[in-house]
Amino acid sequence: MRFARASFAVFLSLCAAACSHDSTAPVGSTLRVASSTATTTGTDAEVVGVMPDISAINDRLAANGTHARLNAVELMVNSNYPPGAPTIYVVDRNRLLPSQFVERDPRRRSNVGLEWTFDTRRGTAYTLVNGVESQLTPSQSVAVARTDVNTWAGLSCYKAYFGEVPYPITPNNQNIEFIDDFYLGGETQPFAPVAEVTFGGFLPYTFFRQIYGPHGDDILGVTYQFSFYDTNGPTDIDHNGMLDGAWSEVYFNDLYYWGDAAAPGFDPYSVADLGTVGLHESGHALGLSHFGRTFENHGGVKFAALNIMSQVYQINRSVSGEPTSAFCDIYSKWR
């Protein structure tokens, strides 16, 4: 593994610029996020920044008696890279994130496979159709997420159970994400995860600014990955050298317009494609890292081997190439 188990890293991904429905908020300076919060180990290394809130998040988890800790955060940000900004190189050498779900792990609710859910309380987002502002409904957002996760689970190598947990969860459990309550508060019920992959929906830009200050405006989506801990620290019950995955949480920034950027009436330069970002983030939620090489050259972002898990955003609803082989390396033996 590139990162020691004890380290908690933020992996920065690059995404093409999308327009905001809040004209007062900036949408550029993407790679300045990396240059201002991260250090590089030369000119050919992955950009890594340490998120200061991780210790506080894990202290809260411990205080709540939750036998899991946050171990990685994956960001997708827009790539309106300003000329003259520092040159940043990204080369991902790891196909997998530090934590992986263990087949038939008795600590997981769906120990015979995987489950996912979408918190429909935050399923509404702004969109533009033929230049007119309207809203995506929660049912539309859930439908996109369903397509995204089923694209991964539908790969021929995956043979295990894969199910959807409809929201709201019964009996009387609505607080199914940890991160949103940590930053925004307001939950009245105890936290209890109900699925391995949880879409926390669209959160206000103030949430993302709490992560990276004004640079949070550049974040489109983020995935938080949690792994199991016991009194001795992180666990590895299958002895594969990886942390044991507990659950993942995915959030989208409601600062942006969201929709089907390839559909008639949508402008791909004004609307962030929910299908693409959701497919990328659900790949992270299932344990995949970024693939490929990204670098800045004369004010432009260059990349190699574009795929759904590469650092550069382009409308893409399919899984192929190296992400497929990496996913199958993890899950092909699950039954």
Protein backbone atom coordinates (compact mmCIF):
# COMPACT_ATOMS: atom_id res chain seq x y z
CA MET A 1 0.00 0.00 0.00
CA ARG A 2 1.18 3.48 -0.76
CA PHE A 3 -0.20 4.96 2.47
CA ALA A 4 0.36 3.47 5.89
CA ARG A 5 -2.73 2.24 7.62
CA ALA A 6 -2.47 4.82 10.33
CA SER A 7 -2.44 7.72 7.87
CA PHE A 8 -5.63 9.45 6.81
CA ALA A 9 -5.41 11.01 3.35
CA VAL A 10 -7.55 13.08 1.05
CA PHE A 11 -7.20 12.07 -2.59
CA LEU A 12 -7.94 14.94 -4.97
CA SER A 13 -9.67 14.25 -8.30
CA LEU A 14 -10.12 16.72 -11.14
CA CYS A 15 -13.41 17.56 -12.80
CA ALA A 16 -14.31 19.83 -15.73
CA ALA A 17 -15.81 23.19 -14.78
CA ALA A 18 -19.53 23.34 -14.13
CA CYS A 19 -21.61 26.49 -13.65
CA SER A 20 -23.13 27.46 -10.34
CA HIS A 21 -26.70 28.49 -9.64
CA ASP A 22 -25.25 30.95 -7.08
CA SER A 23 -23.62 33.65 -9.18
CA THR A 24 -21.83 35.11 -6.16
CA ALA A 25 -19.77 31.98 -5.53
CA PRO A 26 -16.51 31.28 -7.38
CA VAL A 27 -16.22 28.19 -9.54
CA GLY A 28 -12.57 28.32 -10.62
CA SER A 29 -9.11 27.89 -9.09
CA THR A 30 -9.54 24.13 -8.93
CA LEU A 31 -5.96 22.98 -8.60
CA ARG A 32 -5.30 25.74 -6.12
CA VAL A 33 -7.18 23.43 -3.75
CA ALA A 34 -4.37 20.94 -4.13
CA SER A 35 -1.56 23.48 -4.05
CA SER A 36 -2.84 25.20 -0.93
CA THR A 37 -3.72 22.15 1.15
CA ALA A 38 -1.34 19.46 -0.07
CA THR A 39 2.31 18.73 -0.61
CA THR A 40 3.96 16.78 -3.39
CA THR A 41 6.88 14.39 -3.16
CA GLY A 42 8.51 15.46 -6.38
CA THR A 43 7.12 16.07 -9.83
CA ASP A 44 5.64 12.65 -10.38
CA ALA A 45 3.52 11.82 -7.35
CA GLU A 46 -0.07 11.76 -6.24
CA VAL A 47 -1.27 14.98 -4.69
CA VAL A 48 -2.14 14.26 -1.07
CA GLY A 49 -3.61 16.59 1.52
CA VAL A 50 -4.39 15.84 5.15
CA MET A 51 -7.87 16.78 6.24
CA PRO A 52 -7.69 18.34 9.72
CA ASP A 53 -11.20 17.31 10.74
CA ILE A 54 -10.52 13.57 10.50
CA SER A 55 -9.22 13.31 14.07
CA ALA A 56 -12.26 15.16 15.40
CA ILE A 57 -14.60 12.97 13.33
CA ASN A 58 -12.99 9.82 14.68
CA ASP A 59 -13.06 11.15 18.23
CA ARG A 60 -16.82 11.67 17.81
CA LEU A 61 -17.24 8.14 16.44
CA ALA A 62 -15.34 6.74 19.42
CA ALA A 63 -17.38 8.79 21.88
CA ASN A 64 -20.57 7.47 20.27
CA GLY A 65 -19.39 3.90 20.75
CA THR A 66 -19.24 3.29 16.98
CA HIS A 67 -16.73 0.55 16.14
CA ALA A 68 -15.53 2.25 12.96
CA ARG A 69 -13.30 5.14 11.95
CA LEU A 70 -12.97 7.38 8.91
CA ASN A 71 -9.95 6.33 6.88
CA ALA A 72 -10.19 8.10 3.50
CA VAL A 73 -11.97 10.95 1.73
CA GLU A 74 -12.25 11.09 -2.07
CA LEU A 75 -12.99 14.44 -3.74
CA MET A 76 -14.10 15.31 -7.24
CA VAL A 77 -13.52 18.98 -8.01
CA ASN A 78 -13.88 21.19 -11.07
CA SER A 79 -10.77 21.77 -13.17
CA ASN A 80 -10.98 25.39 -14.29
CA TYR A 81 -7.25 25.63 -13.73
CA PRO A 82 -5.99 29.26 -13.79
CA PRO A 83 -2.95 30.07 -15.98
CA GLY A 84 0.16 30.67 -13.94
CA ALA A 85 -0.91 28.48 -11.04
CA PRO A 86 1.63 25.94 -9.77
CA THR A 87 2.19 22.85 -11.87
CA ILE A 88 0.61 19.81 -10.24
CA TYR A 89 1.32 16.21 -11.18
CA VAL A 90 -0.90 13.30 -10.21
CA VAL A 91 0.05 9.68 -10.77
CA ASP A 92 -2.11 7.09 -9.03
CA ARG A 93 -0.30 3.83 -8.47
CA ASN A 94 -2.88 2.18 -6.25
CA ARG A 95 -5.98 0.67 -7.79
CA LEU A 96 -7.76 0.26 -4.46
CA LEU A 97 -8.53 2.42 -1.46
CA PRO A 98 -7.09 1.52 1.98
CA SER A 99 -10.34 -0.12 3.14
CA GLN A 100 -12.20 -2.97 1.44
CA PHE A 101 -15.45 -4.74 2.29
CA VAL A 102 -14.93 -8.31 3.48
CA GLU A 103 -17.18 -11.02 2.07
CA ARG A 104 -19.70 -12.26 4.66
CA ASP A 105 -18.34 -9.95 7.33
CA PRO A 106 -20.74 -10.53 10.27
CA ARG A 107 -20.30 -6.93 11.41
CA ARG A 108 -22.00 -5.62 8.29
CA ARG A 109 -25.80 -5.57 8.08
CA SER A 110 -25.87 -7.18 4.64
CA ASN A 111 -23.11 -9.66 5.31
CA VAL A 112 -24.07 -11.89 2.37
CA GLY A 113 -23.45 -9.12 -0.15
CA LEU A 114 -23.87 -5.36 -0.41
CA GLU A 115 -26.70 -2.87 -0.02
CA TRP A 116 -27.14 0.79 -0.88
CA THR A 117 -29.56 3.56 0.02
CA PHE A 118 -30.28 7.23 -0.74
CA ASP A 119 -31.35 9.73 1.92
CA THR A 120 -34.28 11.31 0.05
CA ARG A 121 -34.53 14.14 2.57
CA ARG A 122 -31.72 15.68 0.52
CA GLY A 123 -32.67 14.33 -2.88
CA THR A 124 -33.65 17.66 -4.44
CA ALA A 125 -31.19 19.67 -6.57
CA TYR A 126 -31.30 22.64 -8.89
CA THR A 127 -31.15 21.93 -12.62
CA LEU A 128 -31.39 23.79 -15.94
CA VAL A 129 -33.55 22.61 -18.82
CA ASN A 130 -33.43 24.75 -21.96
CA GLY A 131 -31.91 27.47 -19.80
CA VAL A 132 -34.79 27.49 -17.34
CA GLU A 133 -34.06 26.74 -13.69
CA SER A 134 -36.09 23.96 -12.11
CA GLN A 135 -35.50 21.13 -9.65
CA LEU A 136 -34.63 17.48 -9.78
CA THR A 137 -37.01 15.51 -7.62
CA PRO A 138 -35.82 12.97 -5.04
CA SER A 139 -37.22 10.16 -7.18
CA GLN A 140 -35.17 11.36 -10.16
CA SER A 141 -32.01 11.58 -8.06
CA VAL A 142 -32.57 8.10 -6.63
CA ALA A 143 -33.14 6.72 -10.13
CA VAL A 144 -29.75 8.05 -11.26
CA ALA A 145 -28.03 6.62 -8.18
CA ARG A 146 -29.74 3.28 -8.82
CA THR A 147 -28.37 3.20 -12.35
CA ASP A 148 -24.90 4.11 -11.09
CA VAL A 149 -24.60 1.41 -8.43
CA ASN A 150 -26.24 -1.20 -10.65
CA THR A 151 -23.70 -0.44 -13.36
CA TRP A 152 -21.00 -1.68 -10.99
CA ALA A 153 -22.99 -4.57 -9.52
CA GLY A 154 -24.14 -5.53 -13.01
CA LEU A 155 -20.63 -6.44 -14.13
CA SER A 156 -20.53 -10.13 -14.99
CA CYS A 157 -17.89 -10.89 -12.35
CA TYR A 158 -20.20 -9.89 -9.50
CA LYS A 159 -22.37 -12.83 -8.39
CA ALA A 160 -23.30 -11.89 -4.81
CA TYR A 161 -26.43 -10.28 -3.46
CA PHE A 162 -26.80 -6.55 -4.16
CA GLY A 163 -29.86 -4.78 -2.81
CA GLU A 164 -31.51 -1.42 -2.33
CA VAL A 165 -32.71 -0.22 1.08
CA PRO A 166 -35.58 2.23 0.45
CA TYR A 167 -35.63 5.41 2.51
CA PRO A 168 -36.97 6.21 5.09
CA ILE A 169 -35.63 3.30 7.03
CA THR A 170 -37.91 1.58 9.50
CA PRO A 171 -38.41 1.26 12.33
CA ASN A 172 -37.91 4.93 13.14
CA ASN A 173 -34.37 5.31 11.84
CA GLN A 174 -33.68 8.32 9.66
CA ASN A 175 -30.19 9.29 10.83
CA ILE A 176 -28.24 6.99 8.52
CA GLU A 177 -25.20 9.21 7.79
CA PHE A 178 -22.56 10.39 10.20
CA ILE A 179 -20.73 13.12 8.28
CA ASP A 180 -23.66 15.44 7.56
CA ASP A 181 -24.59 15.57 11.24
CA PHE A 182 -20.97 16.18 12.25
CA TYR A 183 -20.82 19.31 10.12
CA LEU A 184 -24.43 20.49 10.01
CA GLY A 185 -26.06 19.03 13.12
CA GLY A 186 -29.81 18.87 13.53
CA GLU A 187 -30.30 15.10 13.82
CA THR A 188 -32.49 14.05 16.72
CA GLN A 189 -32.09 10.28 16.40
CA PRO A 190 -28.98 8.20 17.11
CA PHE A 191 -26.75 7.52 14.12
CA ALA A 192 -27.01 4.02 12.64
CA PRO A 193 -25.70 3.04 9.18
CA VAL A 194 -28.04 0.77 7.24
CA ALA A 195 -26.11 0.05 4.03
CA GLU A 196 -22.58 -0.30 2.75
CA VAL A 197 -23.10 2.55 0.25
CA THR A 198 -25.15 5.53 1.40
CA PHE A 199 -25.91 8.53 -0.80
CA GLY A 200 -26.37 11.43 1.58
CA GLY A 201 -27.79 13.57 -1.21
CA PHE A 202 -27.16 17.23 -2.00
CA LEU A 203 -25.68 19.30 0.82
CA PRO A 204 -25.33 23.09 0.94
CA TYR A 205 -22.10 24.70 -0.19
CA THR A 206 -21.52 25.73 3.44
CA PHE A 207 -20.85 22.05 4.19
CA PHE A 208 -18.14 21.90 1.54
CA ARG A 209 -16.65 25.20 2.70
CA GLN A 210 -16.27 23.66 6.15
CA ILE A 211 -14.10 21.01 4.51
CA TYR A 212 -11.81 23.35 2.55
CA GLY A 213 -12.89 26.93 3.22
CA PRO A 214 -13.66 28.92 0.06
CA HIS A 215 -12.02 26.16 -2.00
CA GLY A 216 -14.95 23.96 -1.01
CA ASP A 217 -16.90 25.69 -3.77
CA ASP A 218 -14.80 23.71 -6.26
CA ILE A 219 -15.92 20.33 -4.89
CA LEU A 220 -18.63 18.55 -6.90
CA GLY A 221 -18.81 15.30 -4.97
CA VAL A 222 -17.13 13.62 -2.04
CA THR A 223 -17.01 10.07 -0.68
CA TYR A 224 -16.17 9.23 2.92
CA GLN A 225 -14.88 5.72 3.58
CA PHE A 226 -15.14 4.13 7.02
CA SER A 227 -13.46 0.98 8.31
CA PHE A 228 -13.98 -1.25 11.32
CA TYR A 229 -12.01 -0.73 14.53
CA ASP A 230 -11.90 -2.63 17.81
CA THR A 231 -10.09 -2.02 21.08
CA ASN A 232 -6.78 -2.84 19.39
CA GLY A 233 -7.26 -0.47 16.45
CA PRO A 234 -8.10 -1.13 12.80
CA THR A 235 -9.07 -4.70 11.92
CA ASP A 236 -8.09 -7.02 9.07
CA ILE A 237 -10.09 -10.18 9.65
CA ASP A 238 -9.37 -11.64 6.22
CA HIS A 239 -5.62 -10.93 6.51
CA ASN A 240 -5.34 -9.29 3.10
CA GLY A 241 -3.33 -6.31 4.30
CA MET A 242 -6.30 -3.95 3.90
CA LEU A 243 -8.59 -2.32 6.42
CA ASP A 244 -12.02 -3.95 6.76
CA GLY A 245 -14.68 -1.75 5.13
CA ALA A 246 -17.67 -0.74 7.24
CA TRP A 247 -19.63 1.74 5.09
CA SER A 248 -19.19 4.70 2.72
CA GLU A 249 -21.10 8.00 2.44
CA VAL A 250 -21.45 10.01 -0.80
CA TYR A 251 -22.46 13.69 -0.99
CA PHE A 252 -23.00 16.19 -3.81
CA ASN A 253 -22.57 19.98 -3.72
CA ASP A 254 -25.88 21.78 -4.28
CA LEU A 255 -23.97 24.90 -5.34
CA TYR A 256 -24.10 23.46 -8.87
CA TYR A 257 -26.84 22.69 -11.32
CA TRP A 258 -27.25 18.92 -11.65
CA GLY A 259 -28.94 16.77 -14.25
CA ASP A 260 -28.52 14.53 -17.27
CA ALA A 261 -25.99 16.64 -19.14
CA ALA A 262 -26.34 14.49 -22.27
CA ALA A 263 -30.13 14.78 -22.54
CA PRO A 264 -31.95 17.20 -24.86
CA GLY A 265 -32.31 20.63 -23.32
CA PHE A 266 -29.30 20.30 -21.03
CA ASP A 267 -26.09 22.25 -21.55
CA PRO A 268 -23.10 20.08 -20.57
CA TYR A 269 -21.13 23.24 -19.76
CA SER A 270 -23.77 24.49 -17.34
CA VAL A 271 -25.04 21.28 -15.74
CA ALA A 272 -22.92 18.78 -13.84
CA ASP A 273 -23.81 15.28 -14.96
CA LEU A 274 -25.17 13.44 -11.95
CA GLY A 275 -24.80 10.08 -13.66
CA THR A 276 -21.08 10.58 -14.25
CA VAL A 277 -20.22 12.02 -10.84
CA GLY A 278 -22.41 9.44 -9.09
CA LEU A 279 -20.83 6.57 -11.00
CA HIS A 280 -17.36 7.84 -10.13
CA GLU A 281 -18.19 8.38 -6.45
CA SER A 282 -19.97 5.03 -6.10
CA GLY A 283 -16.80 3.44 -7.49
CA HIS A 284 -14.95 5.01 -4.58
CA ALA A 285 -17.67 3.85 -2.19
CA LEU A 286 -17.08 0.30 -3.42
CA GLY A 287 -13.34 0.56 -2.77
CA LEU A 288 -11.76 1.81 -6.00
CA SER A 289 -9.14 4.53 -6.10
CA HIS A 290 -8.29 6.82 -9.04
CA PHE A 291 -6.63 5.56 -12.19
CA GLY A 292 -4.31 7.22 -14.63
CA ARG A 293 -2.01 10.20 -14.82
CA THR A 294 -3.06 13.84 -14.72
CA PHE A 295 -0.82 16.88 -15.08
CA GLU A 296 -0.98 20.57 -15.90
CA ASN A 297 0.82 21.87 -18.95
CA HIS A 298 0.72 25.54 -20.03
CA GLY A 299 -2.49 26.21 -18.14
CA GLY A 300 -4.33 23.13 -19.42
CA VAL A 301 -5.16 19.85 -17.73
CA LYS A 302 -3.75 16.83 -19.53
CA PHE A 303 -4.55 13.22 -18.75
CA ALA A 304 -3.93 9.67 -19.84
CA ALA A 305 -6.22 6.63 -19.99
CA LEU A 306 -9.52 8.39 -19.40
CA ASN A 307 -12.05 6.13 -17.65
CA ILE A 308 -14.78 6.55 -15.08
CA MET A 309 -12.23 6.47 -12.24
CA SER A 310 -9.72 8.83 -13.85
CA GLN A 311 -9.12 12.26 -12.39
CA VAL A 312 -10.63 14.26 -15.24
CA TYR A 313 -14.39 14.58 -15.60
CA GLN A 314 -16.08 13.93 -18.93
CA ILE A 315 -19.61 12.65 -19.39
CA ASN A 316 -19.28 8.90 -18.98
CA ARG A 317 -21.91 6.38 -17.85
CA SER A 318 -19.95 3.19 -18.44
CA VAL A 319 -17.40 1.09 -16.61
CA SER A 320 -14.62 -0.42 -18.68
CA GLY A 321 -10.90 -1.02 -18.77
CA GLU A 322 -8.83 -0.95 -15.61
CA PRO A 323 -11.69 0.01 -13.25
CA THR A 324 -13.50 -3.14 -14.37
CA SER A 325 -10.52 -5.36 -13.67
CA ALA A 326 -9.94 -3.70 -10.30
CA PHE A 327 -13.58 -4.13 -9.28
CA CYS A 328 -13.50 -7.75 -10.35
CA ASP A 329 -10.28 -8.34 -8.44
CA ILE A 330 -12.21 -7.36 -5.31
CA TYR A 331 -15.59 -8.97 -5.88
CA SER A 332 -15.30 -11.83 -8.38
CA LYS A 333 -15.03 -14.42 -5.60
CA TRP A 334 -18.05 -13.16 -3.69
CA ARG A 335 -21.08 -15.45 -3.76
